[in-house]
Structure formats: C-alpha cells, structure tokens
Amino acid sequence: MARAHSLVVEALMDDEENQIHGYTHINDESGLTMGHLSAWSITDIRNMLRCIQNSTPMRHKETHFVNIPSCAIKVIEFGISLLNDKLRNRILVCICVRDFQTFLELISVL
C-alpha cells in the first residue's frame, strides 16, 4: 500500500498546479486491521514519516484520517507525535465518518 501511495504522490507532483496549491489528503482507514499494523515496526513508521516530512517536496495543507479502528488509534497517535509542529497541526483524526461530516459542515460555514 505504501508503494501505491508513493506512485500516486509522484504522479501528483508532476503537475505545477498541484505544486502551487498543495494537497489535502483524506485517508479512509476502515479496512485497517491488526495484521496491517503488525507489518510495520516502530523504526519503519519513523523512517516513513521522516521521508514524508523531509524528503517529499509537497505542500501538505491537511491530512484527514477517517474511520479509525480502535486497534490503530494509538499507532496513529504515535506517528503524529513524531512529526514536526507544522505537520502535526495539519492532521485531523476522525474516528467515524460522522465526525468528518461535522468537520466539513463546520468549514463550509466559514
């Protein structure tokens, strides 16, 4: 899955418009299982986040994690804690779709 995500990111970075305006990522984690989580070591998670943070020339405007299973909440919180303040402040974790819909309604009013 990480390889597929990397290919998509590389394709998006080829477009100048995308480079200028930046990206909002929405990650639906509804199919995430303990098996997926156990495939990644703490070192793997740290290295992946360092790469995203320091090596990927992208403007990350927002990242949303939606439908987080209970087994993944602590892992995602750990990953977020490894990020710098700038990226950490641009992450929104929604346990269910209803939370995400509430967020979207809130920003549409602004």
Protein backbone atom coordinates (compact mmCIF):
# COMPACT_ATOMS: atom_id res chain seq x y z
CA MET A 1 0.00 0.00 0.00
CA ALA A 2 2.86 2.39 0.77
CA ARG A 3 4.30 1.80 -2.70
CA ALA A 4 0.96 2.57 -4.34
CA HIS A 5 0.70 5.76 -2.29
CA SER A 6 4.24 6.74 -3.34
CA LEU A 7 3.36 6.29 -7.02
CA VAL A 8 0.26 8.47 -6.67
CA VAL A 9 2.25 11.17 -4.87
CA GLU A 10 4.93 11.16 -7.58
CA ALA A 11 2.30 11.49 -10.30
CA LEU A 12 0.64 14.40 -8.47
CA MET A 13 3.96 16.20 -8.03
CA ASP A 14 4.43 16.33 -11.81
CA ASP A 15 1.63 18.89 -12.14
CA GLU A 16 2.66 22.52 -11.47
CA GLU A 17 -0.85 23.48 -10.32
CA ASN A 18 -0.69 20.81 -7.63
CA GLN A 19 2.73 22.02 -6.53
CA ILE A 20 1.47 25.58 -6.14
CA HIS A 21 -1.85 24.88 -4.41
CA GLY A 22 -0.81 21.97 -2.22
CA TYR A 23 -2.60 18.81 -1.16
CA THR A 24 -5.34 17.77 1.20
CA HIS A 25 -5.10 14.06 1.96
CA ILE A 26 -8.14 12.06 3.10
CA ASN A 27 -7.29 8.56 4.31
CA ASP A 28 -10.16 6.13 4.88
CA GLU A 29 -8.77 3.56 7.30
CA SER A 30 -11.93 1.45 7.60
CA GLY A 31 -10.23 -1.71 6.32
CA LEU A 32 -7.17 -1.38 8.53
CA THR A 33 -6.55 -4.47 10.66
CA MET A 34 -4.08 -5.54 13.34
CA GLY A 35 -2.36 -7.58 10.62
CA HIS A 36 -1.63 -4.40 8.66
CA LEU A 37 -0.30 -2.66 11.75
CA SER A 38 1.96 -5.54 12.75
CA ALA A 39 3.68 -5.42 9.34
CA TRP A 40 5.32 -2.11 10.34
CA SER A 41 7.96 -1.82 13.05
CA ILE A 42 8.37 1.37 15.06
CA THR A 43 11.53 2.06 13.06
CA ASP A 44 9.62 1.61 9.78
CA ILE A 45 6.97 4.08 10.92
CA ARG A 46 9.60 6.61 11.99
CA ASN A 47 11.52 6.28 8.70
CA MET A 48 8.37 6.60 6.59
CA LEU A 49 7.29 9.75 8.44
CA ARG A 50 10.76 11.27 8.13
CA CYS A 51 10.61 10.66 4.40
CA ILE A 52 7.16 12.26 4.11
CA GLN A 53 8.23 15.19 6.26
CA ASN A 54 11.73 15.89 4.92
CA SER A 55 12.15 14.27 1.51
CA THR A 56 8.84 14.75 -0.27
CA PRO A 57 8.67 18.22 -1.86
CA MET A 58 4.93 18.68 -1.34
CA ARG A 59 2.75 21.28 0.29
CA HIS A 60 0.73 19.27 2.79
CA LYS A 61 -2.25 21.51 3.53
CA GLU A 62 -4.27 19.00 5.57
CA THR A 63 -4.32 15.28 6.25
CA HIS A 64 -7.51 13.61 7.46
CA PHE A 65 -7.70 10.09 8.88
CA VAL A 66 -11.29 8.78 8.83
CA ASN A 67 -12.85 5.55 10.17
CA ILE A 68 -10.01 4.69 12.51
CA PRO A 69 -10.38 1.21 14.03
CA SER A 70 -9.73 1.05 17.77
CA CYS A 71 -6.60 -1.07 17.24
CA ALA A 72 -4.98 1.73 15.21
CA ILE A 73 -5.67 4.80 17.33
CA LYS A 74 -2.51 4.56 19.46
CA VAL A 75 -0.32 3.78 16.44
CA ILE A 76 -1.62 6.85 14.61
CA GLU A 77 -1.17 8.99 17.73
CA PHE A 78 2.42 7.72 17.98
CA GLY A 79 3.05 8.56 14.33
CA ILE A 80 1.62 12.05 14.73
CA SER A 81 3.88 12.63 17.75
CA LEU A 82 6.93 12.05 15.53
CA LEU A 83 6.02 14.87 13.13
CA ASN A 84 7.14 18.47 13.43
CA ASP A 85 4.64 21.01 14.78
CA LYS A 86 3.78 22.36 11.34
CA LEU A 87 2.57 18.99 10.00
CA ARG A 88 1.15 17.85 13.34
CA ASN A 89 -1.18 20.86 13.38
CA ARG A 90 -2.47 19.97 9.92
CA ILE A 91 -3.71 16.49 10.87
CA LEU A 92 -7.29 15.74 11.82
CA VAL A 93 -8.26 12.30 13.13
CA CYS A 94 -11.94 11.36 12.81
CA ILE A 95 -12.94 8.09 14.44
CA CYS A 96 -16.04 7.83 12.24
CA VAL A 97 -17.48 9.38 9.08
CA ARG A 98 -19.97 11.38 11.14
CA ASP A 99 -17.09 13.28 12.79
CA PHE A 100 -15.64 14.06 9.35
CA GLN A 101 -19.03 15.25 8.05
CA THR A 102 -19.33 17.56 11.06
CA PHE A 103 -15.89 18.97 10.27
CA LEU A 104 -16.83 19.55 6.62
CA GLU A 105 -20.06 21.30 7.61
CA LEU A 106 -18.13 23.50 10.01
CA ILE A 107 -15.58 24.65 7.43
CA SER A 108 -18.26 25.22 4.78
CA VAL A 109 -19.84 27.81 7.09
CA LEU A 110 -16.53 29.68 7.44
